[in-house]
Amino acid sequence: MKIKKPPHILVIHLKRFKYIEQLGRYKKLSYRVVFPMELKLTNTVDGADDSEYSLFAVVVHVGTGPNHGHHVSAVKSHSHWLFLDDENVDMMDESILQSFFGSAQEL
């Protein structure tokens, strides 16, 4: 895939629900998604250099299904990661960012 002009900020949205026909409803996909802290897109823009992005925010749905739950986020501010959950803001170590959200196995 080629893009005409790389965005200044790249947003990637992952579909985390799957329709299960036997159940007649959507099921949340709870397995862990591994993502890089640095992303380099090569050969995506004609006649331009590679695009490089640094992760600075992750938004995650907390809840068992698509019709209930809420979203929390981890945001990099200066050189620190912050965990935001409604009115609660806590410092978060970058080393747990990869394993903080999702299950290592599909439930």
PDB file of N, CA and C in Angstrom:
ATOM      1  N   MET A   1       0.845  -1.164   0.000  1.00  0.00           N
ATOM      2  CA  MET A   1       0.000   0.000   0.000  1.00  0.00           C
ATOM      3  C   MET A   1       0.896   1.235   0.000  1.00  0.00           C
ATOM      4  N   LYS A   2       0.565   2.201  -0.803  1.00  0.00           N
ATOM      5  CA  LYS A   2       1.289   3.472  -0.849  1.00  0.00           C
ATOM      6  C   LYS A   2       0.365   4.578  -0.340  1.00  0.00           C
ATOM      7  N   ILE A   3       0.951   5.553   0.336  1.00  0.00           N
ATOM      8  CA  ILE A   3       0.180   6.716   0.777  1.00  0.00           C
ATOM      9  C   ILE A   3       0.771   7.955   0.120  1.00  0.00           C
ATOM     10  N   LYS A   4      -0.080   8.922  -0.115  1.00  0.00           N
ATOM     11  CA  LYS A   4       0.354  10.120  -0.820  1.00  0.00           C
ATOM     12  C   LYS A   4       1.284  10.967   0.042  1.00  0.00           C
ATOM     13  N   LYS A   5       0.904  11.166   1.296  1.00  0.00           N
ATOM     14  CA  LYS A   5       1.705  11.982   2.204  1.00  0.00           C
ATOM     15  C   LYS A   5       1.593  11.372   3.606  1.00  0.00           C
ATOM     16  N   PRO A   6       2.723  11.089   4.258  1.00  0.00           N
ATOM     17  CA  PRO A   6       2.639  10.491   5.597  1.00  0.00           C
ATOM     18  C   PRO A   6       2.076  11.489   6.608  1.00  0.00           C
ATOM     19  N   PRO A   7       1.211  11.036   7.513  1.00  0.00           N
ATOM     20  CA  PRO A   7       0.657  11.947   8.515  1.00  0.00           C
ATOM     21  C   PRO A   7       1.707  12.308   9.567  1.00  0.00           C
ATOM     22  N   HIS A   8       1.544  13.477  10.162  1.00  0.00           N
ATOM     23  CA  HIS A   8       2.439  13.890  11.238  1.00  0.00           C
ATOM     24  C   HIS A   8       2.246  12.962  12.443  1.00  0.00           C
ATOM     25  N   ILE A   9       0.995  12.644  12.734  1.00  0.00           N
ATOM     26  CA  ILE A   9       0.649  11.712  13.805  1.00  0.00           C
ATOM     27  C   ILE A   9      -0.103  10.544  13.180  1.00  0.00           C
ATOM     28  N   LEU A  10       0.400   9.341  13.377  1.00  0.00           N
ATOM     29  CA  LEU A  10      -0.214   8.138  12.824  1.00  0.00           C
ATOM     30  C   LEU A  10      -1.098   7.501  13.890  1.00  0.00           C
ATOM     31  N   VAL A  11      -2.355   7.276  13.573  1.00  0.00           N
ATOM     32  CA  VAL A  11      -3.297   6.628  14.481  1.00  0.00           C
ATOM     33  C   VAL A  11      -3.660   5.276  13.886  1.00  0.00           C
ATOM     34  N   ILE A  12      -3.528   4.236  14.687  1.00  0.00           N
ATOM     35  CA  ILE A  12      -3.893   2.885  14.260  1.00  0.00           C
ATOM     36  C   ILE A  12      -4.997   2.397  15.184  1.00  0.00           C
ATOM     37  N   HIS A  13      -6.128   2.021  14.599  1.00  0.00           N
ATOM     38  CA  HIS A  13      -7.276   1.533  15.372  1.00  0.00           C
ATOM     39  C   HIS A  13      -7.448   0.056  15.073  1.00  0.00           C
ATOM     40  N   LEU A  14      -7.466  -0.768  16.107  1.00  0.00           N
ATOM     41  CA  LEU A  14      -7.624  -2.206  15.926  1.00  0.00           C
ATOM     42  C   LEU A  14      -9.036  -2.633  16.294  1.00  0.00           C
ATOM     43  N   LYS A  15      -9.656  -3.405  15.432  1.00  0.00           N
ATOM     44  CA  LYS A  15     -10.980  -3.965  15.717  1.00  0.00           C
ATOM     45  C   LYS A  15     -10.791  -5.074  16.740  1.00  0.00           C
ATOM     46  N   ARG A  16     -11.398  -4.940  17.899  1.00  0.00           N
ATOM     47  CA  ARG A  16     -11.193  -5.888  18.988  1.00  0.00           C
ATOM     48  C   ARG A  16     -12.452  -6.673  19.355  1.00  0.00           C
ATOM     49  N   PHE A  17     -13.437  -6.707  18.428  1.00  0.00           N
ATOM     50  CA  PHE A  17     -14.652  -7.487  18.628  1.00  0.00           C
ATOM     51  C   PHE A  17     -14.892  -8.327  17.388  1.00  0.00           C
ATOM     52  N   LYS A  18     -15.418  -9.526  17.584  1.00  0.00           N
ATOM     53  CA  LYS A  18     -15.695 -10.429  16.476  1.00  0.00           C
ATOM     54  C   LYS A  18     -17.115 -10.962  16.628  1.00  0.00           C
ATOM     55  N   TYR A  19     -17.869 -10.966  15.520  1.00  0.00           N
ATOM     56  CA  TYR A  19     -19.232 -11.490  15.565  1.00  0.00           C
ATOM     57  C   TYR A  19     -19.177 -13.016  15.565  1.00  0.00           C
ATOM     58  N   ILE A  20     -19.803 -13.623  16.566  1.00  0.00           N
ATOM     59  CA  ILE A  20     -19.881 -15.080  16.685  1.00  0.00           C
ATOM     60  C   ILE A  20     -21.288 -15.493  16.283  1.00  0.00           C
ATOM     61  N   GLU A  21     -21.395 -16.094  15.101  1.00  0.00           N
ATOM     62  CA  GLU A  21     -22.710 -16.423  14.546  1.00  0.00           C
ATOM     63  C   GLU A  21     -23.483 -17.391  15.438  1.00  0.00           C
ATOM     64  N   GLN A  22     -22.804 -18.398  16.022  1.00  0.00           N
ATOM     65  CA  GLN A  22     -23.480 -19.374  16.877  1.00  0.00           C
ATOM     66  C   GLN A  22     -24.118 -18.714  18.103  1.00  0.00           C
ATOM     67  N   LEU A  23     -23.485 -17.640  18.603  1.00  0.00           N
ATOM     68  CA  LEU A  23     -24.007 -16.926  19.776  1.00  0.00           C
ATOM     69  C   LEU A  23     -24.948 -15.804  19.391  1.00  0.00           C
ATOM     70  N   GLY A  24     -24.875 -15.375  18.132  1.00  0.00           N
ATOM     71  CA  GLY A  24     -25.706 -14.273  17.678  1.00  0.00           C
ATOM     72  C   GLY A  24     -25.317 -12.936  18.288  1.00  0.00           C
ATOM     73  N   ARG A  25     -24.040 -12.790  18.636  1.00  0.00           N
ATOM     74  CA  ARG A  25     -23.573 -11.540  19.248  1.00  0.00           C
ATOM     75  C   ARG A  25     -22.070 -11.363  19.012  1.00  0.00           C
ATOM     76  N   TYR A  26     -21.595 -10.178  19.387  1.00  0.00           N
ATOM     77  CA  TYR A  26     -20.169  -9.893  19.289  1.00  0.00           C
ATOM     78  C   TYR A  26     -19.460 -10.371  20.550  1.00  0.00           C
ATOM     79  N   LYS A  27     -18.226 -10.839  20.372  1.00  0.00           N
ATOM     80  CA  LYS A  27     -17.377 -11.259  21.482  1.00  0.00           C
ATOM     81  C   LYS A  27     -16.129 -10.395  21.464  1.00  0.00           C
ATOM     82  N   LYS A  28     -15.712  -9.966  22.641  1.00  0.00           N
ATOM     83  CA  LYS A  28     -14.497  -9.174  22.732  1.00  0.00           C
ATOM     84  C   LYS A  28     -13.290 -10.068  22.528  1.00  0.00           C
ATOM     85  N   LEU A  29     -12.340  -9.618  21.713  1.00  0.00           N
ATOM     86  CA  LEU A  29     -11.076 -10.319  21.513  1.00  0.00           C
ATOM     87  C   LEU A  29     -10.117  -9.824  22.588  1.00  0.00           C
ATOM     88  N   SER A  30      -9.801 -10.662  23.541  1.00  0.00           N
ATOM     89  CA  SER A  30      -9.049 -10.209  24.713  1.00  0.00           C
ATOM     90  C   SER A  30      -7.574 -10.585  24.679  1.00  0.00           C
ATOM     91  N   TYR A  31      -7.113 -11.211  23.594  1.00  0.00           N
ATOM     92  CA  TYR A  31      -5.702 -11.576  23.542  1.00  0.00           C
ATOM     93  C   TYR A  31      -4.826 -10.331  23.420  1.00  0.00           C
ATOM     94  N   ARG A  32      -3.605 -10.467  23.874  1.00  0.00           N
ATOM     95  CA  ARG A  32      -2.655  -9.352  23.876  1.00  0.00           C
ATOM     96  C   ARG A  32      -2.180  -9.050  22.466  1.00  0.00           C
ATOM     97  N   VAL A  33      -2.100  -7.785  22.138  1.00  0.00           N
ATOM     98  CA  VAL A  33      -1.538  -7.326  20.872  1.00  0.00           C
ATOM     99  C   VAL A  33      -0.183  -6.701  21.185  1.00  0.00           C
ATOM    100  N   VAL A  34       0.861  -7.257  20.583  1.00  0.00           N
ATOM    101  CA  VAL A  34       2.205  -6.732  20.793  1.00  0.00           C
ATOM    102  C   VAL A  34       2.421  -5.596  19.803  1.00  0.00           C
ATOM    103  N   PHE A  35       2.932  -4.475  20.286  1.00  0.00           N
ATOM    104  CA  PHE A  35       3.155  -3.312  19.431  1.00  0.00           C
ATOM    105  C   PHE A  35       4.523  -2.722  19.724  1.00  0.00           C
ATOM    106  N   PRO A  36       5.151  -2.141  18.723  1.00  0.00           N
ATOM    107  CA  PRO A  36       6.491  -1.576  18.927  1.00  0.00           C
ATOM    108  C   PRO A  36       6.425  -0.178  19.541  1.00  0.00           C
ATOM    109  N   MET A  37       7.481   0.177  20.235  1.00  0.00           N
ATOM    110  CA  MET A  37       7.588   1.535  20.778  1.00  0.00           C
ATOM    111  C   MET A  37       8.022   2.507  19.679  1.00  0.00           C
ATOM    112  N   GLU A  38       8.697   1.992  18.677  1.00  0.00           N
ATOM    113  CA  GLU A  38       9.122   2.777  17.514  1.00  0.00           C
ATOM    114  C   GLU A  38       8.638   2.038  16.271  1.00  0.00           C
ATOM    115  N   LEU A  39       8.080   2.767  15.309  1.00  0.00           N
ATOM    116  CA  LEU A  39       7.562   2.163  14.088  1.00  0.00           C
ATOM    117  C   LEU A  39       8.158   2.892  12.899  1.00  0.00           C
ATOM    118  N   LYS A  40       8.781   2.125  12.014  1.00  0.00           N
ATOM    119  CA  LYS A  40       9.359   2.704  10.803  1.00  0.00           C
ATOM    120  C   LYS A  40       8.613   2.133   9.608  1.00  0.00           C
ATOM    121  N   LEU A  41       7.967   2.995   8.840  1.00  0.00           N
ATOM    122  CA  LEU A  41       7.260   2.586   7.636  1.00  0.00           C
ATOM    123  C   LEU A  41       8.177   2.807   6.448  1.00  0.00           C
ATOM    124  N   THR A  42       8.567   1.723   5.819  1.00  0.00           N
ATOM    125  CA  THR A  42       9.479   1.818   4.690  1.00  0.00           C
ATOM    126  C   THR A  42       8.724   1.588   3.385  1.00  0.00           C
ATOM    127  N   ASN A  43       9.136   2.303   2.371  1.00  0.00           N
ATOM    128  CA  ASN A  43       8.595   2.129   1.028  1.00  0.00           C
ATOM    129  C   ASN A  43       7.072   2.314   0.964  1.00  0.00           C
ATOM    130  N   THR A  44       6.557   3.282   1.704  1.00  0.00           N
ATOM    131  CA  THR A  44       5.106   3.514   1.700  1.00  0.00           C
ATOM    132  C   THR A  44       4.716   4.799   0.980  1.00  0.00           C
ATOM    133  N   VAL A  45       5.682   5.703   0.781  1.00  0.00           N
ATOM    134  CA  VAL A  45       5.394   6.983   0.137  1.00  0.00           C
ATOM    135  C   VAL A  45       6.296   7.100  -1.094  1.00  0.00           C
ATOM    136  N   ASP A  46       5.699   7.326  -2.263  1.00  0.00           N
ATOM    137  CA  ASP A  46       6.480   7.471  -3.489  1.00  0.00           C
ATOM    138  C   ASP A  46       7.391   8.689  -3.409  1.00  0.00           C
ATOM    139  N   GLY A  47       8.673   8.473  -3.673  1.00  0.00           N
ATOM    140  CA  GLY A  47       9.628   9.572  -3.749  1.00  0.00           C
ATOM    141  C   GLY A  47       9.927  10.253  -2.437  1.00  0.00           C
ATOM    142  N   ALA A  48       9.649   9.604  -1.301  1.00  0.00           N
ATOM    143  CA  ALA A  48       9.907  10.227   0.005  1.00  0.00           C
ATOM    144  C   ALA A  48      10.720   9.280   0.876  1.00  0.00           C
ATOM    145  N   ASP A  49      11.317   9.834   1.918  1.00  0.00           N
ATOM    146  CA  ASP A  49      12.060   9.028   2.879  1.00  0.00           C
ATOM    147  C   ASP A  49      11.102   8.181   3.698  1.00  0.00           C
ATOM    148  N   ASP A  50      11.664   7.205   4.404  1.00  0.00           N
ATOM    149  CA  ASP A  50      10.860   6.381   5.294  1.00  0.00           C
ATOM    150  C   ASP A  50      10.247   7.245   6.388  1.00  0.00           C
ATOM    151  N   SER A  51       9.084   6.844   6.870  1.00  0.00           N
ATOM    152  CA  SER A  51       8.414   7.564   7.959  1.00  0.00           C
ATOM    153  C   SER A  51       8.677   6.839   9.270  1.00  0.00           C
ATOM    154  N   GLU A  52       9.056   7.598  10.295  1.00  0.00           N
ATOM    155  CA  GLU A  52       9.324   7.014  11.608  1.00  0.00           C
ATOM    156  C   GLU A  52       8.397   7.637  12.640  1.00  0.00           C
ATOM    157  N   TYR A  53       7.842   6.771  13.492  1.00  0.00           N
ATOM    158  CA  TYR A  53       6.897   7.213  14.520  1.00  0.00           C
ATOM    159  C   TYR A  53       7.312   6.641  15.867  1.00  0.00           C
ATOM    160  N   SER A  54       7.114   7.433  16.929  1.00  0.00           N
ATOM    161  CA  SER A  54       7.351   6.990  18.304  1.00  0.00           C
ATOM    162  C   SER A  54       6.014   6.923  19.017  1.00  0.00           C
ATOM    163  N   LEU A  55       5.778   5.812  19.696  1.00  0.00           N
ATOM    164  CA  LEU A  55       4.527   5.632  20.424  1.00  0.00           C
ATOM    165  C   LEU A  55       4.431   6.635  21.561  1.00  0.00           C
ATOM    166  N   PHE A  56       3.288   7.320  21.662  1.00  0.00           N
ATOM    167  CA  PHE A  56       3.106   8.233  22.783  1.00  0.00           C
ATOM    168  C   PHE A  56       1.741   8.104  23.435  1.00  0.00           C
ATOM    169  N   ALA A  57       0.888   7.196  22.947  1.00  0.00           N
ATOM    170  CA  ALA A  57      -0.395   6.977  23.610  1.00  0.00           C
ATOM    171  C   ALA A  57      -1.009   5.653  23.175  1.00  0.00           C
ATOM    172  N   VAL A  58      -1.706   5.017  24.099  1.00  0.00           N
ATOM    173  CA  VAL A  58      -2.451   3.791  23.838  1.00  0.00           C
ATOM    174  C   VAL A  58      -3.800   3.937  24.540  1.00  0.00           C
ATOM    175  N   VAL A  59      -4.880   3.650  23.821  1.00  0.00           N
ATOM    176  CA  VAL A  59      -6.225   3.683  24.401  1.00  0.00           C
ATOM    177  C   VAL A  59      -6.762   2.263  24.375  1.00  0.00           C
ATOM    178  N   VAL A  60      -7.317   1.815  25.499  1.00  0.00           N
ATOM    179  CA  VAL A  60      -7.778   0.437  25.633  1.00  0.00           C
ATOM    180  C   VAL A  60      -9.186   0.407  26.209  1.00  0.00           C
ATOM    181  N   HIS A  61     -10.031  -0.464  25.651  1.00  0.00           N
ATOM    182  CA  HIS A  61     -11.385  -0.691  26.183  1.00  0.00           C
ATOM    183  C   HIS A  61     -11.291  -1.696  27.329  1.00  0.00           C
ATOM    184  N   VAL A  62     -11.879  -1.348  28.462  1.00  0.00           N
ATOM    185  CA  VAL A  62     -11.928  -2.239  29.616  1.00  0.00           C
ATOM    186  C   VAL A  62     -13.380  -2.647  29.798  1.00  0.00           C
ATOM    187  N   GLY A  63     -13.653  -3.921  29.728  1.00  0.00           N
ATOM    188  CA  GLY A  63     -15.008  -4.443  29.843  1.00  0.00           C
ATOM    189  C   GLY A  63     -15.097  -5.745  29.080  1.00  0.00           C
ATOM    190  N   THR A  64     -16.220  -6.440  29.251  1.00  0.00           N
ATOM    191  CA  THR A  64     -16.336  -7.769  28.657  1.00  0.00           C
ATOM    192  C   THR A  64     -17.005  -7.783  27.295  1.00  0.00           C
ATOM    193  N   GLY A  65     -17.621  -6.704  26.881  1.00  0.00           N
ATOM    194  CA  GLY A  65     -18.300  -6.709  25.597  1.00  0.00           C
ATOM    195  C   GLY A  65     -18.403  -5.333  24.992  1.00  0.00           C
ATOM    196  N   PRO A  66     -18.930  -5.255  23.764  1.00  0.00           N
ATOM    197  CA  PRO A  66     -18.985  -3.975  23.060  1.00  0.00           C
ATOM    198  C   PRO A  66     -20.038  -3.006  23.597  1.00  0.00           C
ATOM    199  N   ASN A  67     -20.963  -3.482  24.417  1.00  0.00           N
ATOM    200  CA  ASN A  67     -22.049  -2.621  24.889  1.00  0.00           C
ATOM    201  C   ASN A  67     -21.873  -2.113  26.302  1.00  0.00           C
ATOM    202  N   HIS A  68     -20.775  -2.447  26.941  1.00  0.00           N
ATOM    203  CA  HIS A  68     -20.515  -1.939  28.281  1.00  0.00           C
ATOM    204  C   HIS A  68     -19.016  -1.929  28.553  1.00  0.00           C
ATOM    205  N   GLY A  69     -18.624  -1.159  29.529  1.00  0.00           N
ATOM    206  CA  GLY A  69     -17.215  -0.973  29.850  1.00  0.00           C
ATOM    207  C   GLY A  69     -16.826   0.482  29.615  1.00  0.00           C
ATOM    208  N   HIS A  70     -15.562   0.771  29.716  1.00  0.00           N
ATOM    209  CA  HIS A  70     -15.085   2.126  29.433  1.00  0.00           C
ATOM    210  C   HIS A  70     -13.655   2.058  28.917  1.00  0.00           C
ATOM    211  N   HIS A  71     -13.113   3.183  28.563  1.00  0.00           N
ATOM    212  CA  HIS A  71     -11.765   3.253  27.993  1.00  0.00           C
ATOM    213  C   HIS A  71     -10.797   3.868  28.999  1.00  0.00           C
ATOM    214  N   VAL A  72      -9.584   3.337  29.015  1.00  0.00           N
ATOM    215  CA  VAL A  72      -8.484   3.892  29.794  1.00  0.00           C
ATOM    216  C   VAL A  72      -7.350   4.161  28.812  1.00  0.00           C
ATOM    217  N   SER A  73      -6.377   4.937  29.239  1.00  0.00           N
ATOM    218  CA  SER A  73      -5.273   5.228  28.332  1.00  0.00           C
ATOM    219  C   SER A  73      -3.950   5.328  29.071  1.00  0.00           C
ATOM    220  N   ALA A  74      -2.896   5.111  28.325  1.00  0.00           N
ATOM    221  CA  ALA A  74      -1.530   5.345  28.778  1.00  0.00           C
ATOM    222  C   ALA A  74      -0.960   6.397  27.837  1.00  0.00           C
ATOM    223  N   VAL A  75      -0.409   7.453  28.397  1.00  0.00           N
ATOM    224  CA  VAL A  75       0.077   8.576  27.604  1.00  0.00           C
ATOM    225  C   VAL A  75       1.481   8.952  28.064  1.00  0.00           C
ATOM    226  N   LYS A  76       2.359   9.165  27.088  1.00  0.00           N
ATOM    227  CA  LYS A  76       3.711   9.602  27.412  1.00  0.00           C
ATOM    228  C   LYS A  76       3.717  11.117  27.508  1.00  0.00           C
ATOM    229  N   SER A  77       4.126  11.610  28.665  1.00  0.00           N
ATOM    230  CA  SER A  77       4.202  13.051  28.897  1.00  0.00           C
ATOM    231  C   SER A  77       5.619  13.364  29.349  1.00  0.00           C
ATOM    232  N   HIS A  78       6.313  14.140  28.546  1.00  0.00           N
ATOM    233  CA  HIS A  78       7.740  14.393  28.752  1.00  0.00           C
ATOM    234  C   HIS A  78       8.432  13.039  28.691  1.00  0.00           C
ATOM    235  N   SER A  79       9.099  12.574  29.658  1.00  0.00           N
ATOM    236  CA  SER A  79       9.745  11.259  29.543  1.00  0.00           C
ATOM    237  C   SER A  79       9.074  10.216  30.444  1.00  0.00           C
ATOM    238  N   HIS A  80       7.857  10.514  30.904  1.00  0.00           N
ATOM    239  CA  HIS A  80       7.144   9.606  31.803  1.00  0.00           C
ATOM    240  C   HIS A  80       5.857   9.103  31.168  1.00  0.00           C
ATOM    241  N   TRP A  81       5.490   7.868  31.502  1.00  0.00           N
ATOM    242  CA  TRP A  81       4.208   7.320  31.067  1.00  0.00           C
ATOM    243  C   TRP A  81       3.193   7.501  32.180  1.00  0.00           C
ATOM    244  N   LEU A  82       2.004   7.962  31.797  1.00  0.00           N
ATOM    245  CA  LEU A  82       0.912   8.167  32.746  1.00  0.00           C
ATOM    246  C   LEU A  82      -0.233   7.232  32.390  1.00  0.00           C
ATOM    247  N   PHE A  83      -0.867   6.654  33.406  1.00  0.00           N
ATOM    248  CA  PHE A  83      -2.046   5.824  33.221  1.00  0.00           C
ATOM    249  C   PHE A  83      -3.250   6.657  33.632  1.00  0.00           C
ATOM    250  N   LEU A  84      -4.208   6.847  32.703  1.00  0.00           N
ATOM    251  CA  LEU A  84      -5.380   7.684  32.964  1.00  0.00           C
ATOM    252  C   LEU A  84      -6.646   6.823  32.953  1.00  0.00           C
ATOM    253  N   ASP A  85      -7.381   6.867  34.053  1.00  0.00           N
ATOM    254  CA  ASP A  85      -8.629   6.132  34.211  1.00  0.00           C
ATOM    255  C   ASP A  85      -9.616   7.072  34.898  1.00  0.00           C
ATOM    256  N   ASP A  86     -10.474   7.672  34.091  1.00  0.00           N
ATOM    257  CA  ASP A  86     -11.412   8.697  34.573  1.00  0.00           C
ATOM    258  C   ASP A  86     -10.641   9.786  35.301  1.00  0.00           C
ATOM    259  N   GLU A  87     -10.934  10.023  36.578  1.00  0.00           N
ATOM    260  CA  GLU A  87     -10.258  11.111  37.280  1.00  0.00           C
ATOM    261  C   GLU A  87      -8.940  10.674  37.914  1.00  0.00           C
ATOM    262  N   ASN A  88      -8.568   9.403  37.789  1.00  0.00           N
ATOM    263  CA  ASN A  88      -7.324   8.893  38.368  1.00  0.00           C
ATOM    264  C   ASN A  88      -6.180   8.949  37.342  1.00  0.00           C
ATOM    265  N   VAL A  89      -5.061   9.517  37.780  1.00  0.00           N
ATOM    266  CA  VAL A  89      -3.858   9.588  36.952  1.00  0.00           C
ATOM    267  C   VAL A  89      -2.701   9.065  37.797  1.00  0.00           C
ATOM    268  N   ASP A  90      -2.022   8.036  37.272  1.00  0.00           N
ATOM    269  CA  ASP A  90      -0.905   7.432  37.992  1.00  0.00           C
ATOM    270  C   ASP A  90       0.288   7.300  37.063  1.00  0.00           C
ATOM    271  N   MET A  91       1.481   7.340  37.637  1.00  0.00           N
ATOM    272  CA  MET A  91       2.696   7.083  36.871  1.00  0.00           C
ATOM    273  C   MET A  91       2.708   5.599  36.504  1.00  0.00           C
ATOM    274  N   MET A  92       3.262   5.305  35.332  1.00  0.00           N
ATOM    275  CA  MET A  92       3.306   3.935  34.844  1.00  0.00           C
ATOM    276  C   MET A  92       4.678   3.690  34.262  1.00  0.00           C
ATOM    277  N   ASP A  93       5.294   2.567  34.601  1.00  0.00           N
ATOM    278  CA  ASP A  93       6.604   2.243  34.066  1.00  0.00           C
ATOM    279  C   ASP A  93       6.467   1.724  32.635  1.00  0.00           C
ATOM    280  N   GLU A  94       7.306   2.206  31.738  1.00  0.00           N
ATOM    281  CA  GLU A  94       7.240   1.801  30.332  1.00  0.00           C
ATOM    282  C   GLU A  94       7.416   0.293  30.161  1.00  0.00           C
ATOM    283  N   SER A  95       8.155  -0.340  31.046  1.00  0.00           N
ATOM    284  CA  SER A  95       8.432  -1.767  30.906  1.00  0.00           C
ATOM    285  C   SER A  95       7.171  -2.626  31.038  1.00  0.00           C
ATOM    286  N   ILE A  96       6.128  -2.148  31.700  1.00  0.00           N
ATOM    287  CA  ILE A  96       4.908  -2.948  31.826  1.00  0.00           C
ATOM    288  C   ILE A  96       3.857  -2.588  30.776  1.00  0.00           C
ATOM    289  N   LEU A  97       4.163  -1.619  29.938  1.00  0.00           N
ATOM    290  CA  LEU A  97       3.193  -1.186  28.930  1.00  0.00           C
ATOM    291  C   LEU A  97       2.784  -2.323  28.003  1.00  0.00           C
ATOM    292  N   GLN A  98       3.739  -3.138  27.555  1.00  0.00           N
ATOM    293  CA  GLN A  98       3.440  -4.234  26.630  1.00  0.00           C
ATOM    294  C   GLN A  98       2.568  -5.317  27.257  1.00  0.00           C
ATOM    295  N   SER A  99       2.712  -5.579  28.535  1.00  0.00           N
ATOM    296  CA  SER A  99       1.972  -6.674  29.165  1.00  0.00           C
ATOM    297  C   SER A  99       0.789  -6.192  29.997  1.00  0.00           C
ATOM    298  N   PHE A 100       0.573  -4.897  30.037  1.00  0.00           N
ATOM    299  CA  PHE A 100      -0.470  -4.350  30.907  1.00  0.00           C
ATOM    300  C   PHE A 100      -1.876  -4.640  30.382  1.00  0.00           C
ATOM    301  N   PHE A 101      -2.057  -4.635  29.073  1.00  0.00           N
ATOM    302  CA  PHE A 101      -3.377  -4.775  28.468  1.00  0.00           C
ATOM    303  C   PHE A 101      -3.491  -6.089  27.727  1.00  0.00           C
ATOM    304  N   GLY A 102      -4.580  -6.770  27.925  1.00  0.00           N
ATOM    305  CA  GLY A 102      -4.858  -8.001  27.189  1.00  0.00           C
ATOM    306  C   GLY A 102      -4.310  -9.234  27.897  1.00  0.00           C
ATOM    307  N   SER A 103      -4.739 -10.360  27.430  1.00  0.00           N
ATOM    308  CA  SER A 103      -4.333 -11.642  27.997  1.00  0.00           C
ATOM    309  C   SER A 103      -3.301 -12.280  27.070  1.00  0.00           C
ATOM    310  N   ALA A 104      -2.379 -13.037  27.630  1.00  0.00           N
ATOM    311  CA  ALA A 104      -1.380 -13.724  26.818  1.00  0.00           C
ATOM    312  C   ALA A 104      -2.019 -14.840  25.996  1.00  0.00           C
ATOM    313  N   GLN A 105      -3.205 -15.270  26.406  1.00  0.00           N
ATOM    314  CA  GLN A 105      -3.942 -16.309  25.679  1.00  0.00           C
ATOM    315  C   GLN A 105      -5.353 -15.806  25.392  1.00  0.00           C
ATOM    316  N   GLU A 106      -5.941 -16.327  24.329  1.00  0.00           N
ATOM    317  CA  GLU A 106      -7.339 -16.001  24.030  1.00  0.00           C
ATOM    318  C   GLU A 106      -8.210 -16.699  25.069  1.00  0.00           C
ATOM    319  N   LEU A 107      -9.136 -15.939  25.667  1.00  0.00           N
ATOM    320  CA  LEU A 107     -10.025 -16.516  26.678  1.00  0.00           C
ATOM    321  C   LEU A 107     -11.270 -17.071  26.055  1.00  0.00           C
TER     322      LEU A 107
END
